[in-house]
Amino acid sequence: MGDKTLTRADLAEAVYRKVGLSRSESASLVEMIIDEICDAVVRGETVKLSSFATFQVRSKAERIGRNPKTGEEVPISPRRVMTFKASNVLKQKIADAHSKGTPDAE
């Protein structure tokens, strides 16, 4: 995998360069979008970003797990988890980049 991590600052810089807003407006816009996505997921809504991914909260029931060191059975309490499902468009872009051998695909 690549060592590069895309940060909020990187996203804001991309908005600044491509859209033409000021740097502070770009950073504010990125923060507003991320906050809205987070708030919707916390409310239990499904967030679907077309051609990118779907974010969803799923409830998991209580179950019995096993401590791998001791083999002891322990109950795992019920909880809510967030899932991320990449769209077919995103999956195809990743597959295409990998098949072309681009460095970003590794």
N, C-alpha and C. Protein backbone atom coordinates (compact mmCIF):
# COMPACT_ATOMS: atom_id res chain seq x y z
N MET A 1 0.84 -1.18 0.00
CA MET A 1 0.00 0.00 0.00
C MET A 1 0.88 1.24 0.00
N GLY A 2 0.34 2.32 -0.50
CA GLY A 2 1.08 3.57 -0.53
C GLY A 2 1.20 4.17 0.85
N ASP A 3 2.21 4.99 1.03
CA ASP A 3 2.42 5.63 2.32
C ASP A 3 1.65 6.94 2.44
N LYS A 4 1.09 7.42 1.36
CA LYS A 4 0.40 8.70 1.34
C LYS A 4 -0.98 8.58 1.97
N THR A 5 -1.32 9.54 2.81
CA THR A 5 -2.64 9.61 3.42
C THR A 5 -3.29 10.92 3.02
N LEU A 6 -4.51 10.84 2.53
CA LEU A 6 -5.25 12.04 2.16
C LEU A 6 -5.90 12.60 3.42
N THR A 7 -5.61 13.86 3.73
CA THR A 7 -6.12 14.48 4.94
C THR A 7 -7.19 15.52 4.61
N ARG A 8 -7.82 16.04 5.65
CA ARG A 8 -8.80 17.12 5.47
C ARG A 8 -8.12 18.33 4.82
N ALA A 9 -6.90 18.60 5.24
CA ALA A 9 -6.17 19.73 4.66
C ALA A 9 -5.93 19.51 3.16
N ASP A 10 -5.63 18.27 2.77
CA ASP A 10 -5.45 17.95 1.35
C ASP A 10 -6.74 18.17 0.58
N LEU A 11 -7.85 17.75 1.17
CA LEU A 11 -9.15 17.95 0.51
C LEU A 11 -9.45 19.44 0.36
N ALA A 12 -9.20 20.20 1.41
CA ALA A 12 -9.43 21.65 1.36
C ALA A 12 -8.54 22.30 0.30
N GLU A 13 -7.32 21.85 0.19
CA GLU A 13 -6.39 22.39 -0.81
C GLU A 13 -6.88 22.07 -2.23
N ALA A 14 -7.41 20.85 -2.41
CA ALA A 14 -7.95 20.47 -3.72
C ALA A 14 -9.16 21.32 -4.08
N VAL A 15 -10.02 21.58 -3.12
CA VAL A 15 -11.18 22.46 -3.36
C VAL A 15 -10.69 23.86 -3.71
N TYR A 16 -9.71 24.34 -2.98
CA TYR A 16 -9.14 25.67 -3.24
C TYR A 16 -8.63 25.76 -4.68
N ARG A 17 -7.87 24.75 -5.11
CA ARG A 17 -7.28 24.77 -6.45
C ARG A 17 -8.32 24.59 -7.56
N LYS A 18 -9.28 23.70 -7.35
CA LYS A 18 -10.20 23.35 -8.43
C LYS A 18 -11.46 24.21 -8.48
N VAL A 19 -11.92 24.68 -7.33
CA VAL A 19 -13.17 25.44 -7.30
C VAL A 19 -12.92 26.94 -7.28
N GLY A 20 -11.84 27.34 -6.64
CA GLY A 20 -11.51 28.75 -6.62
C GLY A 20 -11.98 29.49 -5.39
N LEU A 21 -12.47 28.76 -4.38
CA LEU A 21 -12.81 29.42 -3.12
C LEU A 21 -11.51 29.78 -2.40
N SER A 22 -11.62 30.66 -1.42
CA SER A 22 -10.43 30.98 -0.63
C SER A 22 -10.04 29.74 0.17
N ARG A 23 -8.83 29.74 0.71
CA ARG A 23 -8.38 28.58 1.49
C ARG A 23 -9.27 28.37 2.71
N SER A 24 -9.63 29.44 3.40
CA SER A 24 -10.47 29.29 4.60
C SER A 24 -11.88 28.84 4.22
N GLU A 25 -12.42 29.33 3.12
CA GLU A 25 -13.74 28.89 2.67
C GLU A 25 -13.70 27.42 2.25
N SER A 26 -12.62 27.02 1.60
CA SER A 26 -12.47 25.63 1.19
C SER A 26 -12.40 24.70 2.40
N ALA A 27 -11.62 25.10 3.39
CA ALA A 27 -11.50 24.30 4.61
C ALA A 27 -12.85 24.22 5.33
N SER A 28 -13.57 25.31 5.36
CA SER A 28 -14.88 25.35 6.00
C SER A 28 -15.87 24.45 5.27
N LEU A 29 -15.84 24.47 3.95
CA LEU A 29 -16.72 23.64 3.14
C LEU A 29 -16.45 22.15 3.39
N VAL A 30 -15.19 21.77 3.40
CA VAL A 30 -14.82 20.37 3.66
C VAL A 30 -15.31 19.96 5.05
N GLU A 31 -15.11 20.81 6.05
CA GLU A 31 -15.57 20.51 7.41
C GLU A 31 -17.08 20.35 7.46
N MET A 32 -17.81 21.22 6.78
CA MET A 32 -19.28 21.14 6.77
C MET A 32 -19.76 19.83 6.15
N ILE A 33 -19.12 19.43 5.07
CA ILE A 33 -19.52 18.19 4.39
C ILE A 33 -19.25 16.99 5.30
N ILE A 34 -18.06 16.93 5.89
CA ILE A 34 -17.72 15.82 6.78
C ILE A 34 -18.65 15.80 7.99
N ASP A 35 -18.93 16.97 8.56
CA ASP A 35 -19.84 17.05 9.71
C ASP A 35 -21.23 16.55 9.35
N GLU A 36 -21.72 16.92 8.17
CA GLU A 36 -23.06 16.50 7.75
C GLU A 36 -23.10 14.98 7.57
N ILE A 37 -22.07 14.41 6.98
CA ILE A 37 -22.00 12.95 6.82
C ILE A 37 -22.00 12.28 8.20
N CYS A 38 -21.17 12.77 9.10
CA CYS A 38 -21.09 12.20 10.46
C CYS A 38 -22.42 12.30 11.18
N ASP A 39 -23.05 13.46 11.13
CA ASP A 39 -24.33 13.66 11.81
C ASP A 39 -25.40 12.71 11.28
N ALA A 40 -25.45 12.53 9.96
CA ALA A 40 -26.44 11.64 9.35
C ALA A 40 -26.21 10.20 9.80
N VAL A 41 -24.96 9.75 9.82
CA VAL A 41 -24.65 8.38 10.24
C VAL A 41 -25.01 8.19 11.71
N VAL A 42 -24.71 9.18 12.55
CA VAL A 42 -25.04 9.09 13.98
C VAL A 42 -26.55 9.00 14.18
N ARG A 43 -27.32 9.69 13.33
CA ARG A 43 -28.79 9.63 13.41
C ARG A 43 -29.33 8.29 12.91
N GLY A 44 -28.46 7.45 12.37
CA GLY A 44 -28.89 6.15 11.88
C GLY A 44 -29.27 6.14 10.41
N GLU A 45 -29.03 7.24 9.72
CA GLU A 45 -29.36 7.33 8.30
C GLU A 45 -28.26 6.67 7.48
N THR A 46 -28.65 6.18 6.31
CA THR A 46 -27.69 5.66 5.35
C THR A 46 -27.19 6.83 4.51
N VAL A 47 -25.89 6.94 4.35
CA VAL A 47 -25.31 8.00 3.52
C VAL A 47 -24.77 7.34 2.25
N LYS A 48 -25.37 7.69 1.13
CA LYS A 48 -24.96 7.10 -0.15
C LYS A 48 -24.38 8.20 -1.02
N LEU A 49 -23.11 8.09 -1.32
CA LEU A 49 -22.44 9.03 -2.21
C LEU A 49 -22.27 8.32 -3.55
N SER A 50 -23.09 8.68 -4.49
CA SER A 50 -23.13 8.01 -5.79
C SER A 50 -21.74 7.94 -6.40
N SER A 51 -21.42 6.80 -6.96
CA SER A 51 -20.13 6.50 -7.61
C SER A 51 -18.97 6.49 -6.63
N PHE A 52 -19.26 6.50 -5.32
CA PHE A 52 -18.19 6.42 -4.33
C PHE A 52 -18.45 5.30 -3.33
N ALA A 53 -19.40 5.51 -2.42
CA ALA A 53 -19.62 4.49 -1.38
C ALA A 53 -20.90 4.75 -0.62
N THR A 54 -21.25 3.76 0.22
CA THR A 54 -22.38 3.88 1.12
C THR A 54 -21.86 3.67 2.54
N PHE A 55 -22.25 4.56 3.45
CA PHE A 55 -21.93 4.46 4.86
C PHE A 55 -23.23 4.13 5.58
N GLN A 56 -23.18 3.14 6.47
CA GLN A 56 -24.40 2.71 7.13
C GLN A 56 -24.07 2.21 8.54
N VAL A 57 -25.00 2.42 9.48
CA VAL A 57 -24.83 1.89 10.83
C VAL A 57 -25.64 0.60 10.90
N ARG A 58 -25.02 -0.42 11.46
CA ARG A 58 -25.64 -1.73 11.56
C ARG A 58 -25.60 -2.17 13.02
N SER A 59 -26.67 -2.78 13.48
CA SER A 59 -26.71 -3.31 14.85
C SER A 59 -26.24 -4.75 14.85
N LYS A 60 -25.35 -5.06 15.78
CA LYS A 60 -24.86 -6.43 15.92
C LYS A 60 -25.39 -6.98 17.24
N ALA A 61 -25.90 -8.17 17.19
CA ALA A 61 -26.47 -8.82 18.37
C ALA A 61 -25.35 -9.32 19.30
N GLU A 62 -25.75 -9.61 20.54
CA GLU A 62 -24.79 -10.19 21.48
C GLU A 62 -24.40 -11.57 20.97
N ARG A 63 -23.14 -11.92 21.17
CA ARG A 63 -22.67 -13.24 20.74
C ARG A 63 -21.56 -13.70 21.65
N ILE A 64 -21.19 -14.93 21.51
CA ILE A 64 -20.10 -15.50 22.30
C ILE A 64 -18.83 -15.47 21.45
N GLY A 65 -17.79 -14.88 22.02
CA GLY A 65 -16.48 -14.86 21.36
C GLY A 65 -15.52 -15.73 22.14
N ARG A 66 -14.32 -15.87 21.62
CA ARG A 66 -13.33 -16.70 22.28
C ARG A 66 -12.01 -15.94 22.36
N ASN A 67 -11.42 -15.93 23.56
CA ASN A 67 -10.11 -15.35 23.75
C ASN A 67 -9.10 -16.25 23.03
N PRO A 68 -8.40 -15.71 22.01
CA PRO A 68 -7.50 -16.58 21.24
C PRO A 68 -6.33 -17.14 22.05
N LYS A 69 -5.92 -16.45 23.10
CA LYS A 69 -4.80 -16.94 23.92
C LYS A 69 -5.22 -18.09 24.82
N THR A 70 -6.34 -17.89 25.51
CA THR A 70 -6.74 -18.87 26.52
C THR A 70 -7.82 -19.82 26.04
N GLY A 71 -8.53 -19.47 24.98
CA GLY A 71 -9.63 -20.29 24.51
C GLY A 71 -10.90 -20.09 25.31
N GLU A 72 -10.83 -19.19 26.31
CA GLU A 72 -11.97 -18.93 27.17
C GLU A 72 -13.08 -18.22 26.38
N GLU A 73 -14.31 -18.68 26.59
CA GLU A 73 -15.45 -18.04 25.94
C GLU A 73 -15.84 -16.79 26.72
N VAL A 74 -16.08 -15.71 25.99
CA VAL A 74 -16.50 -14.46 26.61
C VAL A 74 -17.66 -13.86 25.82
N PRO A 75 -18.64 -13.29 26.52
CA PRO A 75 -19.74 -12.67 25.79
C PRO A 75 -19.30 -11.34 25.18
N ILE A 76 -19.73 -11.11 23.95
CA ILE A 76 -19.48 -9.83 23.28
C ILE A 76 -20.81 -9.11 23.28
N SER A 77 -20.84 -7.94 23.90
CA SER A 77 -22.10 -7.22 24.07
C SER A 77 -22.63 -6.69 22.74
N PRO A 78 -23.96 -6.48 22.66
CA PRO A 78 -24.53 -5.93 21.44
C PRO A 78 -24.00 -4.52 21.20
N ARG A 79 -23.85 -4.16 19.96
CA ARG A 79 -23.31 -2.84 19.65
C ARG A 79 -23.73 -2.42 18.26
N ARG A 80 -23.47 -1.16 17.97
CA ARG A 80 -23.73 -0.63 16.64
C ARG A 80 -22.39 -0.34 15.99
N VAL A 81 -22.25 -0.73 14.73
CA VAL A 81 -21.01 -0.53 13.99
C VAL A 81 -21.30 0.18 12.68
N MET A 82 -20.34 0.93 12.20
CA MET A 82 -20.51 1.59 10.92
C MET A 82 -19.87 0.73 9.84
N THR A 83 -20.57 0.61 8.72
CA THR A 83 -20.02 -0.14 7.60
C THR A 83 -19.79 0.81 6.43
N PHE A 84 -18.81 0.46 5.62
CA PHE A 84 -18.46 1.22 4.43
C PHE A 84 -18.49 0.24 3.28
N LYS A 85 -19.30 0.53 2.27
CA LYS A 85 -19.36 -0.34 1.11
C LYS A 85 -19.02 0.48 -0.12
N ALA A 86 -17.93 0.14 -0.75
CA ALA A 86 -17.48 0.86 -1.95
C ALA A 86 -18.45 0.58 -3.10
N SER A 87 -18.67 1.60 -3.93
CA SER A 87 -19.54 1.43 -5.09
C SER A 87 -18.82 0.61 -6.15
N ASN A 88 -19.60 0.09 -7.10
CA ASN A 88 -18.98 -0.66 -8.20
C ASN A 88 -18.10 0.24 -9.05
N VAL A 89 -18.46 1.52 -9.15
CA VAL A 89 -17.63 2.46 -9.91
C VAL A 89 -16.26 2.61 -9.25
N LEU A 90 -16.24 2.77 -7.93
CA LEU A 90 -14.97 2.90 -7.21
C LEU A 90 -14.16 1.61 -7.31
N LYS A 91 -14.83 0.47 -7.14
CA LYS A 91 -14.13 -0.81 -7.25
C LYS A 91 -13.48 -0.97 -8.62
N GLN A 92 -14.20 -0.57 -9.66
CA GLN A 92 -13.67 -0.68 -11.02
C GLN A 92 -12.48 0.24 -11.23
N LYS A 93 -12.54 1.46 -10.68
CA LYS A 93 -11.41 2.39 -10.80
C LYS A 93 -10.17 1.82 -10.13
N ILE A 94 -10.37 1.20 -8.97
CA ILE A 94 -9.24 0.59 -8.26
C ILE A 94 -8.67 -0.57 -9.06
N ALA A 95 -9.54 -1.40 -9.61
CA ALA A 95 -9.09 -2.55 -10.42
C ALA A 95 -8.35 -2.07 -11.66
N ASP A 96 -8.87 -1.03 -12.32
CA ASP A 96 -8.22 -0.50 -13.52
C ASP A 96 -6.85 0.07 -13.20
N ALA A 97 -6.75 0.82 -12.09
CA ALA A 97 -5.48 1.40 -11.70
C ALA A 97 -4.47 0.30 -11.36
N HIS A 98 -4.94 -0.74 -10.72
CA HIS A 98 -4.05 -1.85 -10.35
C HIS A 98 -3.56 -2.59 -11.59
N SER A 99 -4.46 -2.80 -12.55
CA SER A 99 -4.06 -3.54 -13.75
C SER A 99 -3.09 -2.74 -14.62
N LYS A 100 -3.13 -1.43 -14.53
CA LYS A 100 -2.21 -0.59 -15.28
C LYS A 100 -0.86 -0.45 -14.57
N GLY A 101 -0.82 -0.92 -13.33
CA GLY A 101 0.44 -0.88 -12.58
C GLY A 101 0.82 0.50 -12.08
N THR A 102 -0.18 1.38 -11.86
CA THR A 102 0.15 2.70 -11.35
C THR A 102 0.61 2.59 -9.92
N PRO A 103 1.56 3.42 -9.50
CA PRO A 103 2.09 3.34 -8.13
C PRO A 103 1.02 3.60 -7.08
N ASP A 104 -0.01 4.39 -7.40
CA ASP A 104 -1.04 4.71 -6.41
C ASP A 104 -1.92 3.51 -6.12
N ALA A 105 -1.89 2.49 -6.96
CA ALA A 105 -2.76 1.34 -6.80
C ALA A 105 -2.21 0.33 -5.81
N GLU A 106 -1.01 0.49 -5.35
CA GLU A 106 -0.40 -0.52 -4.48
C GLU A 106 -0.61 -0.25 -3.04
